[in-house]
Amino acid sequence: MKSHFFAMLARMKFIRRWGLMRNTQEENIQEHTLQTAAIAYHLCVLSNTYYGGHTDPKEAAVLAMYHDVPEIYTGDMPTPVKYFSEDMRRTYGQVEKLAQERLLKLLPAELQEAYRPLICEAEKNPLWPYVKAADTLSAYVKCVQEMAAGNSEFKDAYHTIGAKLEQLDMPEVARFLAEYVPSFRLSLDEINKNKR
């Protein structure tokens, strides 16, 4: 039996993010997903190293790899549209669940249960808060980079997402913001001059 599962995943590179915003650098969900997975892994490492956590960084990274796959079908719904009203959010949630199931059914039946926890039940995983924090950090980094490039279009998003990160009250996130995010404002030459 042939499966279209990985061919559909490959289409993540065609789904643009930040569709309502003027971007100096376009971003697709495949790029965003890789960054989110790397950050989720690191947040768990920070948790385990500095804050007494007992997380599995690899599991968090894999969970993050699949966190936006429904958008292959739905597109990246802009936040102002997604949260326009409670009805809109509820309807989008239903569409998202249908997209998850549709994607899962592209796999052979005997493999579907191995992917269900990643595609359809990710929010039940105890590591989900790290993935959501990483997702938000990735969006914040995008705002930082756009602002550093002189694009004031991202100013409000920068402040809104920054406030959201503060509300998470996660020491791993605070540490990531302090230690890693400032470098995103620098040029390559500046980063190379300031090697640790």
N, C-alpha and C. Protein backbone atom coordinates (compact mmCIF):
# COMPACT_ATOMS: atom_id res chain seq x y z
N MET A 1 0.84 -1.19 0.00
CA MET A 1 0.00 0.00 0.00
C MET A 1 0.88 1.25 0.00
N LYS A 2 0.56 2.20 -0.84
CA LYS A 2 1.30 3.46 -0.88
C LYS A 2 0.69 4.43 0.11
N SER A 3 1.57 5.27 0.70
CA SER A 3 1.11 6.26 1.67
C SER A 3 1.58 7.65 1.24
N HIS A 4 0.68 8.60 1.35
CA HIS A 4 0.99 9.99 1.01
C HIS A 4 1.45 10.81 2.22
N PHE A 5 1.63 10.16 3.37
CA PHE A 5 1.90 10.86 4.62
C PHE A 5 3.11 11.79 4.52
N PHE A 6 4.24 11.28 4.09
CA PHE A 6 5.46 12.11 4.07
C PHE A 6 5.45 13.12 2.94
N ALA A 7 4.74 12.80 1.88
CA ALA A 7 4.58 13.78 0.80
C ALA A 7 3.77 14.98 1.30
N MET A 8 2.76 14.70 2.14
CA MET A 8 1.98 15.80 2.72
C MET A 8 2.82 16.60 3.72
N LEU A 9 3.59 15.91 4.56
CA LEU A 9 4.45 16.63 5.51
C LEU A 9 5.42 17.55 4.77
N ALA A 10 5.90 17.11 3.61
CA ALA A 10 6.85 17.92 2.84
C ALA A 10 6.21 19.23 2.37
N ARG A 11 4.89 19.29 2.35
CA ARG A 11 4.20 20.50 1.91
C ARG A 11 4.18 21.59 2.99
N MET A 12 4.71 21.28 4.16
CA MET A 12 4.79 22.30 5.21
C MET A 12 5.60 23.51 4.73
N LYS A 13 6.54 23.27 3.84
CA LYS A 13 7.39 24.37 3.37
C LYS A 13 6.62 25.37 2.51
N PHE A 14 5.40 25.00 2.08
CA PHE A 14 4.60 25.91 1.27
C PHE A 14 3.62 26.75 2.09
N ILE A 15 3.52 26.47 3.38
CA ILE A 15 2.55 27.17 4.24
C ILE A 15 3.26 28.34 4.91
N ARG A 16 2.92 29.55 4.47
CA ARG A 16 3.55 30.76 5.02
C ARG A 16 2.96 31.11 6.38
N ARG A 17 3.82 31.62 7.23
CA ARG A 17 3.38 32.17 8.52
C ARG A 17 3.26 33.68 8.41
N TRP A 18 2.58 34.26 9.38
CA TRP A 18 2.47 35.72 9.48
C TRP A 18 1.84 36.32 8.21
N GLY A 19 0.76 35.68 7.75
CA GLY A 19 0.14 36.05 6.49
C GLY A 19 -0.42 37.47 6.43
N LEU A 20 -0.79 38.05 7.56
CA LEU A 20 -1.35 39.41 7.55
C LEU A 20 -0.29 40.48 7.74
N MET A 21 0.95 40.06 7.93
CA MET A 21 2.03 41.00 8.25
C MET A 21 2.99 41.16 7.08
N ARG A 22 3.55 42.37 6.97
CA ARG A 22 4.64 42.59 6.02
C ARG A 22 5.91 42.04 6.66
N ASN A 23 6.57 41.13 5.96
CA ASN A 23 7.77 40.46 6.48
C ASN A 23 9.01 40.91 5.72
N THR A 24 10.12 41.12 6.42
CA THR A 24 11.37 41.33 5.71
C THR A 24 11.93 39.99 5.25
N GLN A 25 11.60 38.94 5.97
CA GLN A 25 12.04 37.58 5.64
C GLN A 25 10.84 36.65 5.82
N GLU A 26 10.40 36.03 4.73
CA GLU A 26 9.28 35.10 4.81
C GLU A 26 9.66 33.91 5.70
N GLU A 27 8.65 33.32 6.34
CA GLU A 27 8.87 32.14 7.18
C GLU A 27 7.76 31.15 6.87
N ASN A 28 8.12 29.87 6.74
CA ASN A 28 7.09 28.85 6.53
C ASN A 28 7.01 27.95 7.76
N ILE A 29 5.98 27.09 7.80
CA ILE A 29 5.80 26.29 9.02
C ILE A 29 6.85 25.20 9.17
N GLN A 30 7.50 24.81 8.08
CA GLN A 30 8.57 23.83 8.20
C GLN A 30 9.77 24.45 8.93
N GLU A 31 10.12 25.66 8.57
CA GLU A 31 11.22 26.37 9.26
C GLU A 31 10.86 26.60 10.72
N HIS A 32 9.66 27.07 10.94
CA HIS A 32 9.19 27.34 12.31
C HIS A 32 9.21 26.07 13.15
N THR A 33 8.82 24.95 12.56
CA THR A 33 8.74 23.69 13.29
C THR A 33 10.13 23.23 13.74
N LEU A 34 11.11 23.37 12.87
CA LEU A 34 12.48 22.98 13.25
C LEU A 34 12.96 23.84 14.42
N GLN A 35 12.73 25.14 14.33
CA GLN A 35 13.16 26.02 15.41
C GLN A 35 12.41 25.69 16.71
N THR A 36 11.13 25.43 16.62
CA THR A 36 10.34 25.08 17.80
C THR A 36 10.84 23.80 18.44
N ALA A 37 11.17 22.79 17.62
CA ALA A 37 11.68 21.52 18.15
C ALA A 37 13.02 21.73 18.87
N ALA A 38 13.89 22.54 18.27
CA ALA A 38 15.20 22.81 18.90
C ALA A 38 15.02 23.54 20.23
N ILE A 39 14.11 24.50 20.27
CA ILE A 39 13.88 25.25 21.50
C ILE A 39 13.22 24.37 22.56
N ALA A 40 12.25 23.55 22.16
CA ALA A 40 11.58 22.65 23.12
C ALA A 40 12.60 21.71 23.76
N TYR A 41 13.48 21.16 22.94
CA TYR A 41 14.55 20.29 23.46
C TYR A 41 15.36 21.06 24.50
N HIS A 42 15.74 22.29 24.16
CA HIS A 42 16.60 23.06 25.05
C HIS A 42 15.88 23.47 26.35
N LEU A 43 14.61 23.79 26.26
CA LEU A 43 13.86 24.14 27.47
C LEU A 43 13.85 22.97 28.45
N CYS A 44 13.71 21.75 27.92
CA CYS A 44 13.74 20.57 28.78
C CYS A 44 15.13 20.35 29.38
N VAL A 45 16.16 20.59 28.58
CA VAL A 45 17.54 20.48 29.10
C VAL A 45 17.74 21.50 30.22
N LEU A 46 17.27 22.72 30.02
CA LEU A 46 17.37 23.74 31.08
C LEU A 46 16.61 23.30 32.32
N SER A 47 15.42 22.77 32.13
CA SER A 47 14.61 22.30 33.26
C SER A 47 15.36 21.24 34.05
N ASN A 48 15.93 20.27 33.35
CA ASN A 48 16.63 19.17 34.02
C ASN A 48 17.93 19.62 34.69
N THR A 49 18.63 20.56 34.05
CA THR A 49 19.94 20.98 34.53
C THR A 49 19.86 21.96 35.69
N TYR A 50 18.93 22.91 35.59
CA TYR A 50 18.91 24.00 36.56
C TYR A 50 17.72 24.01 37.51
N TYR A 51 16.64 23.33 37.16
CA TYR A 51 15.40 23.51 37.93
C TYR A 51 14.81 22.20 38.46
N GLY A 52 15.63 21.16 38.52
CA GLY A 52 15.19 19.91 39.13
C GLY A 52 14.16 19.14 38.31
N GLY A 53 14.09 19.43 37.01
CA GLY A 53 13.12 18.74 36.17
C GLY A 53 13.55 17.32 35.83
N HIS A 54 12.59 16.53 35.40
CA HIS A 54 12.85 15.16 34.96
C HIS A 54 12.12 14.96 33.63
N THR A 55 12.45 15.81 32.67
CA THR A 55 11.78 15.79 31.38
C THR A 55 12.60 15.00 30.37
N ASP A 56 11.96 14.63 29.27
CA ASP A 56 12.65 13.94 28.19
C ASP A 56 12.77 14.92 27.02
N PRO A 57 13.93 15.55 26.85
CA PRO A 57 14.11 16.53 25.78
C PRO A 57 13.80 15.98 24.39
N LYS A 58 14.18 14.72 24.15
CA LYS A 58 13.95 14.13 22.82
C LYS A 58 12.46 13.98 22.55
N GLU A 59 11.71 13.57 23.55
CA GLU A 59 10.26 13.43 23.37
C GLU A 59 9.63 14.79 23.09
N ALA A 60 10.08 15.82 23.80
CA ALA A 60 9.55 17.17 23.57
C ALA A 60 9.86 17.63 22.15
N ALA A 61 11.07 17.34 21.66
CA ALA A 61 11.46 17.74 20.31
C ALA A 61 10.60 17.05 19.26
N VAL A 62 10.33 15.76 19.45
CA VAL A 62 9.50 15.03 18.49
C VAL A 62 8.06 15.56 18.53
N LEU A 63 7.56 15.81 19.72
CA LEU A 63 6.22 16.39 19.86
C LEU A 63 6.14 17.72 19.11
N ALA A 64 7.17 18.52 19.24
CA ALA A 64 7.22 19.82 18.56
C ALA A 64 7.29 19.67 17.04
N MET A 65 7.94 18.61 16.57
CA MET A 65 8.05 18.38 15.12
C MET A 65 6.67 18.25 14.47
N TYR A 66 5.69 17.79 15.25
CA TYR A 66 4.36 17.56 14.69
C TYR A 66 3.32 18.58 15.16
N HIS A 67 3.74 19.59 15.91
CA HIS A 67 2.75 20.47 16.53
C HIS A 67 1.93 21.30 15.55
N ASP A 68 2.44 21.57 14.37
CA ASP A 68 1.71 22.39 13.39
C ASP A 68 1.29 21.62 12.14
N VAL A 69 1.39 20.29 12.14
CA VAL A 69 1.08 19.56 10.91
C VAL A 69 -0.36 19.73 10.43
N PRO A 70 -1.35 20.00 11.28
CA PRO A 70 -2.70 20.23 10.74
C PRO A 70 -2.76 21.42 9.78
N GLU A 71 -1.80 22.34 9.93
CA GLU A 71 -1.80 23.53 9.08
C GLU A 71 -1.50 23.21 7.62
N ILE A 72 -1.08 21.97 7.33
CA ILE A 72 -0.94 21.54 5.94
C ILE A 72 -2.30 21.69 5.26
N TYR A 73 -3.36 21.38 6.00
CA TYR A 73 -4.73 21.47 5.47
C TYR A 73 -5.39 22.81 5.77
N THR A 74 -5.13 23.36 6.95
CA THR A 74 -5.86 24.57 7.38
C THR A 74 -5.15 25.86 7.01
N GLY A 75 -3.85 25.77 6.69
CA GLY A 75 -3.05 26.98 6.55
C GLY A 75 -2.74 27.53 7.94
N ASP A 76 -1.91 28.54 7.99
CA ASP A 76 -1.57 29.18 9.27
C ASP A 76 -2.60 30.29 9.50
N MET A 77 -3.57 29.98 10.32
CA MET A 77 -4.63 30.95 10.60
C MET A 77 -4.05 32.10 11.42
N PRO A 78 -4.13 33.34 10.91
CA PRO A 78 -3.61 34.48 11.68
C PRO A 78 -4.30 34.60 13.04
N THR A 79 -3.53 34.91 14.06
CA THR A 79 -4.06 35.00 15.42
C THR A 79 -5.29 35.90 15.54
N PRO A 80 -5.30 37.10 14.92
CA PRO A 80 -6.50 37.94 15.06
C PRO A 80 -7.76 37.28 14.49
N VAL A 81 -7.58 36.43 13.49
CA VAL A 81 -8.73 35.73 12.90
C VAL A 81 -9.12 34.55 13.79
N LYS A 82 -8.13 33.77 14.20
CA LYS A 82 -8.37 32.57 15.01
C LYS A 82 -9.10 32.92 16.32
N TYR A 83 -8.75 34.05 16.91
CA TYR A 83 -9.34 34.44 18.19
C TYR A 83 -10.34 35.59 18.05
N PHE A 84 -10.88 35.76 16.85
CA PHE A 84 -11.83 36.85 16.58
C PHE A 84 -13.05 36.76 17.50
N SER A 85 -13.52 35.55 17.72
CA SER A 85 -14.65 35.33 18.63
C SER A 85 -14.54 33.92 19.18
N GLU A 86 -15.31 33.64 20.21
CA GLU A 86 -15.31 32.29 20.80
C GLU A 86 -15.83 31.28 19.78
N ASP A 87 -16.82 31.68 18.99
CA ASP A 87 -17.34 30.79 17.94
C ASP A 87 -16.26 30.46 16.92
N MET A 88 -15.50 31.47 16.53
CA MET A 88 -14.43 31.27 15.55
C MET A 88 -13.38 30.30 16.11
N ARG A 89 -12.98 30.50 17.36
CA ARG A 89 -11.97 29.64 17.98
C ARG A 89 -12.47 28.20 18.06
N ARG A 90 -13.73 28.04 18.47
CA ARG A 90 -14.32 26.71 18.59
C ARG A 90 -14.39 26.02 17.21
N THR A 91 -14.82 26.77 16.20
CA THR A 91 -14.93 26.23 14.84
C THR A 91 -13.55 25.85 14.31
N TYR A 92 -12.56 26.71 14.53
CA TYR A 92 -11.21 26.40 14.08
C TYR A 92 -10.69 25.15 14.78
N GLY A 93 -11.00 25.01 16.06
CA GLY A 93 -10.59 23.82 16.81
C GLY A 93 -11.17 22.55 16.20
N GLN A 94 -12.42 22.62 15.75
CA GLN A 94 -13.05 21.46 15.11
C GLN A 94 -12.38 21.15 13.78
N VAL A 95 -12.10 22.19 13.01
CA VAL A 95 -11.43 22.01 11.72
C VAL A 95 -10.04 21.41 11.94
N GLU A 96 -9.35 21.88 12.96
CA GLU A 96 -8.01 21.38 13.29
C GLU A 96 -8.06 19.88 13.61
N LYS A 97 -9.08 19.46 14.38
CA LYS A 97 -9.21 18.04 14.72
C LYS A 97 -9.49 17.19 13.48
N LEU A 98 -10.31 17.70 12.58
CA LEU A 98 -10.57 16.99 11.32
C LEU A 98 -9.29 16.86 10.49
N ALA A 99 -8.49 17.93 10.48
CA ALA A 99 -7.22 17.91 9.75
C ALA A 99 -6.25 16.89 10.36
N GLN A 100 -6.22 16.83 11.69
CA GLN A 100 -5.35 15.85 12.37
C GLN A 100 -5.73 14.43 11.97
N GLU A 101 -7.03 14.14 12.03
CA GLU A 101 -7.50 12.79 11.69
C GLU A 101 -7.24 12.45 10.22
N ARG A 102 -7.44 13.43 9.36
CA ARG A 102 -7.21 13.20 7.93
C ARG A 102 -5.75 12.87 7.66
N LEU A 103 -4.85 13.60 8.31
CA LEU A 103 -3.43 13.34 8.14
C LEU A 103 -3.06 11.96 8.68
N LEU A 104 -3.59 11.62 9.85
CA LEU A 104 -3.30 10.33 10.47
C LEU A 104 -3.74 9.19 9.54
N LYS A 105 -4.85 9.36 8.86
CA LYS A 105 -5.39 8.30 7.99
C LYS A 105 -4.56 8.10 6.72
N LEU A 106 -3.61 8.97 6.47
CA LEU A 106 -2.70 8.76 5.33
C LEU A 106 -1.69 7.66 5.61
N LEU A 107 -1.54 7.32 6.89
CA LEU A 107 -0.61 6.26 7.28
C LEU A 107 -1.29 4.90 7.18
N PRO A 108 -0.52 3.83 6.97
CA PRO A 108 -1.11 2.49 7.05
C PRO A 108 -1.76 2.30 8.43
N ALA A 109 -2.86 1.58 8.47
CA ALA A 109 -3.67 1.41 9.69
C ALA A 109 -2.82 0.93 10.87
N GLU A 110 -1.89 0.02 10.60
CA GLU A 110 -1.11 -0.55 11.71
C GLU A 110 -0.09 0.44 12.28
N LEU A 111 0.14 1.57 11.61
CA LEU A 111 1.09 2.58 12.11
C LEU A 111 0.40 3.78 12.75
N GLN A 112 -0.89 3.89 12.56
CA GLN A 112 -1.59 5.09 13.01
C GLN A 112 -1.51 5.32 14.52
N GLU A 113 -1.57 4.26 15.31
CA GLU A 113 -1.53 4.45 16.77
C GLU A 113 -0.18 4.95 17.25
N ALA A 114 0.88 4.69 16.50
CA ALA A 114 2.21 5.20 16.87
C ALA A 114 2.28 6.72 16.69
N TYR A 115 1.47 7.25 15.77
CA TYR A 115 1.49 8.68 15.48
C TYR A 115 0.35 9.45 16.14
N ARG A 116 -0.69 8.76 16.57
CA ARG A 116 -1.83 9.44 17.19
C ARG A 116 -1.43 10.34 18.36
N PRO A 117 -0.55 9.89 19.27
CA PRO A 117 -0.16 10.77 20.39
C PRO A 117 0.55 12.05 19.93
N LEU A 118 1.21 12.00 18.78
CA LEU A 118 1.93 13.17 18.27
C LEU A 118 1.01 14.12 17.51
N ILE A 119 0.08 13.57 16.75
CA ILE A 119 -0.73 14.37 15.84
C ILE A 119 -2.06 14.77 16.46
N CYS A 120 -2.71 13.84 17.16
CA CYS A 120 -4.08 14.07 17.65
C CYS A 120 -4.19 14.31 19.15
N GLU A 121 -3.18 13.89 19.91
CA GLU A 121 -3.31 13.94 21.37
C GLU A 121 -2.14 14.65 22.05
N ALA A 122 -1.45 15.49 21.31
CA ALA A 122 -0.24 16.14 21.83
C ALA A 122 -0.51 16.94 23.10
N GLU A 123 -1.65 17.60 23.16
CA GLU A 123 -1.95 18.46 24.31
C GLU A 123 -2.12 17.68 25.61
N LYS A 124 -2.30 16.37 25.52
CA LYS A 124 -2.43 15.53 26.73
C LYS A 124 -1.06 15.18 27.31
N ASN A 125 -0.01 15.36 26.53
CA ASN A 125 1.33 14.98 26.96
C ASN A 125 1.83 15.97 28.02
N PRO A 126 2.41 15.48 29.12
CA PRO A 126 2.94 16.37 30.16
C PRO A 126 4.01 17.34 29.65
N LEU A 127 4.63 17.04 28.51
CA LEU A 127 5.65 17.92 27.95
C LEU A 127 5.06 19.02 27.07
N TRP A 128 3.75 18.99 26.86
CA TRP A 128 3.12 19.98 25.99
C TRP A 128 3.41 21.42 26.40
N PRO A 129 3.42 21.77 27.70
CA PRO A 129 3.75 23.15 28.06
C PRO A 129 5.11 23.61 27.55
N TYR A 130 6.07 22.71 27.47
CA TYR A 130 7.39 23.06 26.94
C TYR A 130 7.31 23.31 25.43
N VAL A 131 6.49 22.51 24.75
CA VAL A 131 6.32 22.69 23.30
C VAL A 131 5.61 24.02 23.02
N LYS A 132 4.56 24.31 23.78
CA LYS A 132 3.83 25.57 23.58
C LYS A 132 4.72 26.76 23.90
N ALA A 133 5.53 26.64 24.95
CA ALA A 133 6.46 27.72 25.29
C ALA A 133 7.48 27.91 24.16
N ALA A 134 7.97 26.80 23.62
CA ALA A 134 8.93 26.88 22.51
C ALA A 134 8.28 27.49 21.27
N ASP A 135 7.04 27.14 21.02
CA ASP A 135 6.28 27.70 19.89
C ASP A 135 6.16 29.22 20.05
N THR A 136 5.86 29.65 21.26
CA THR A 136 5.72 31.08 21.53
C THR A 136 7.07 31.78 21.45
N LEU A 137 8.12 31.13 21.95
CA LEU A 137 9.46 31.71 21.85
C LEU A 137 9.88 31.86 20.39
N SER A 138 9.55 30.89 19.56
CA SER A 138 9.87 30.99 18.14
C SER A 138 9.18 32.20 17.51
N ALA A 139 7.92 32.42 17.87
CA ALA A 139 7.19 33.59 17.36
C ALA A 139 7.84 34.88 17.87
N TYR A 140 8.27 34.87 19.12
CA TYR A 140 8.91 36.05 19.70
C TYR A 140 10.24 36.36 19.00
N VAL A 141 11.01 35.32 18.72
CA VAL A 141 12.28 35.47 18.02
C VAL A 141 12.04 36.09 16.64
N LYS A 142 10.98 35.64 15.97
CA LYS A 142 10.64 36.22 14.67
C LYS A 142 10.38 37.72 14.81
N CYS A 143 9.64 38.11 15.84
CA CYS A 143 9.37 39.54 16.09
C CYS A 143 10.66 40.30 16.35
N VAL A 144 11.54 39.73 17.15
CA VAL A 144 12.83 40.36 17.46
C VAL A 144 13.63 40.58 16.17
N GLN A 145 13.68 39.57 15.32
CA GLN A 145 14.44 39.68 14.08
C GLN A 145 13.83 40.72 13.13
N GLU A 146 12.51 40.74 13.04
CA GLU A 146 11.85 41.71 12.17
C GLU A 146 12.07 43.14 12.68
N MET A 147 11.98 43.31 13.99
CA MET A 147 12.21 44.64 14.57
C MET A 147 13.66 45.07 14.37
N ALA A 148 14.60 44.12 14.52
CA ALA A 148 16.01 44.43 14.31
C ALA A 148 16.29 44.83 12.86
N ALA A 149 15.44 44.34 11.95
CA ALA A 149 15.58 44.68 10.53
C ALA A 149 14.83 45.98 10.20
N GLY A 150 14.31 46.64 11.23
CA GLY A 150 13.63 47.92 11.03
C GLY A 150 12.17 47.81 10.65
N ASN A 151 11.58 46.63 10.83
CA ASN A 151 10.18 46.43 10.47
C ASN A 151 9.27 46.64 11.68
N SER A 152 8.71 47.84 11.78
CA SER A 152 7.85 48.17 12.93
C SER A 152 6.50 47.47 12.87
N GLU A 153 6.21 46.80 11.78
CA GLU A 153 4.97 46.02 11.62
C GLU A 153 4.82 45.00 12.76
N PHE A 154 5.94 44.55 13.32
CA PHE A 154 5.93 43.50 14.34
C PHE A 154 5.97 44.06 15.77
N LYS A 155 5.88 45.37 15.92
CA LYS A 155 6.02 45.98 17.25
C LYS A 155 4.94 45.50 18.22
N ASP A 156 3.68 45.55 17.81
CA ASP A 156 2.62 45.12 18.72
C ASP A 156 2.72 43.64 19.05
N ALA A 157 3.02 42.82 18.03
CA ALA A 157 3.18 41.38 18.26
C ALA A 157 4.33 41.12 19.23
N TYR A 158 5.41 41.88 19.08
CA TYR A 158 6.57 41.75 19.98
C TYR A 158 6.14 41.95 21.44
N HIS A 159 5.37 43.00 21.70
CA HIS A 159 4.95 43.29 23.07
C HIS A 159 3.91 42.28 23.56
N THR A 160 2.97 41.92 22.71
CA THR A 160 1.92 40.96 23.10
C THR A 160 2.51 39.59 23.41
N ILE A 161 3.39 39.12 22.54
CA ILE A 161 4.00 37.80 22.73
C ILE A 161 4.97 37.83 23.90
N GLY A 162 5.68 38.93 24.07
CA GLY A 162 6.57 39.07 25.23
C GLY A 162 5.80 38.98 26.54
N ALA A 163 4.63 39.63 26.60
CA ALA A 163 3.78 39.57 27.80
C ALA A 163 3.28 38.15 28.03
N LYS A 164 2.94 37.47 26.95
CA LYS A 164 2.46 36.08 27.05
C LYS A 164 3.56 35.18 27.61
N LEU A 165 4.80 35.41 27.19
CA LEU A 165 5.92 34.61 27.71
C LEU A 165 6.13 34.87 29.20
N GLU A 166 6.00 36.11 29.61
CA GLU A 166 6.12 36.43 31.04
C GLU A 166 5.06 35.72 31.86
N GLN A 167 3.84 35.68 31.33
CA GLN A 167 2.72 35.05 32.05
C GLN A 167 2.90 33.54 32.21
N LEU A 168 3.73 32.94 31.37
CA LEU A 168 3.97 31.50 31.50
C LEU A 168 4.63 31.17 32.84
N ASP A 169 5.39 32.13 33.37
CA ASP A 169 6.06 31.96 34.66
C ASP A 169 6.89 30.67 34.70
N MET A 170 7.65 30.46 33.64
CA MET A 170 8.53 29.29 33.55
C MET A 170 9.98 29.78 33.63
N PRO A 171 10.75 29.33 34.61
CA PRO A 171 12.13 29.80 34.71
C PRO A 171 12.97 29.44 33.49
N GLU A 172 12.65 28.33 32.83
CA GLU A 172 13.38 27.94 31.63
C GLU A 172 13.19 28.98 30.52
N VAL A 173 11.97 29.50 30.42
CA VAL A 173 11.66 30.51 29.40
C VAL A 173 12.39 31.81 29.73
N ALA A 174 12.36 32.21 30.99
CA ALA A 174 13.05 33.43 31.41
C ALA A 174 14.55 33.33 31.11
N ARG A 175 15.11 32.17 31.37
CA ARG A 175 16.53 31.96 31.12
C ARG A 175 16.83 32.01 29.62
N PHE A 176 15.97 31.39 28.81
CA PHE A 176 16.15 31.42 27.36
C PHE A 176 16.09 32.86 26.84
N LEU A 177 15.13 33.61 27.34
CA LEU A 177 14.99 35.01 26.92
C LEU A 177 16.23 35.82 27.27
N ALA A 178 16.78 35.58 28.44
CA ALA A 178 17.94 36.35 28.90
C ALA A 178 19.24 35.93 28.21
N GLU A 179 19.41 34.64 28.00
CA GLU A 179 20.70 34.14 27.53
C GLU A 179 20.81 33.96 26.01
N TYR A 180 19.68 33.71 25.34
CA TYR A 180 19.76 33.35 23.93
C TYR A 180 19.11 34.36 22.98
N VAL A 181 18.03 34.97 23.41
CA VAL A 181 17.29 35.86 22.50
C VAL A 181 18.08 37.11 22.10
N PRO A 182 18.87 37.74 22.99
CA PRO A 182 19.59 38.95 22.56
C PRO A 182 20.46 38.75 21.32
N SER A 183 20.99 37.56 21.11
CA SER A 183 21.84 37.30 19.95
C SER A 183 21.08 37.44 18.64
N PHE A 184 19.76 37.29 18.67
CA PHE A 184 18.97 37.40 17.44
C PHE A 184 18.91 38.83 16.92
N ARG A 185 19.36 39.77 17.74
CA ARG A 185 19.40 41.17 17.30
C ARG A 185 20.71 41.52 16.61
N LEU A 186 21.65 40.60 16.63
CA LEU A 186 23.00 40.87 16.13
C LEU A 186 23.19 40.39 14.69
N SER A 187 24.13 41.02 14.01
CA SER A 187 24.54 40.54 12.69
C SER A 187 25.50 39.36 12.88
N LEU A 188 25.78 38.66 11.80
CA LEU A 188 26.72 37.54 11.87
C LEU A 188 28.10 38.02 12.34
N ASP A 189 28.55 39.16 11.83
CA ASP A 189 29.84 39.70 12.26
C ASP A 189 29.86 40.01 13.74
N GLU A 190 28.76 40.57 14.24
CA GLU A 190 28.69 40.88 15.68
C GLU A 190 28.70 39.60 16.51
N ILE A 191 28.02 38.58 16.06
CA ILE A 191 28.01 37.30 16.78
C ILE A 191 29.42 36.72 16.81
N ASN A 192 30.12 36.78 15.68
CA ASN A 192 31.48 36.22 15.61
C ASN A 192 32.46 37.00 16.47
N LYS A 193 32.25 38.30 16.62
CA LYS A 193 33.14 39.12 17.48
C LYS A 193 32.91 38.82 18.95
N ASN A 194 31.69 38.41 19.28
CA ASN A 194 31.32 38.20 20.69
C ASN A 194 31.27 36.73 21.04
N LYS A 195 32.20 35.95 20.52
CA LYS A 195 32.22 34.51 20.85
C LYS A 195 32.45 34.33 22.34
N ARG A 196 31.78 33.30 22.88
CA ARG A 196 31.99 33.01 24.31
C ARG A 196 33.31 32.33 24.52
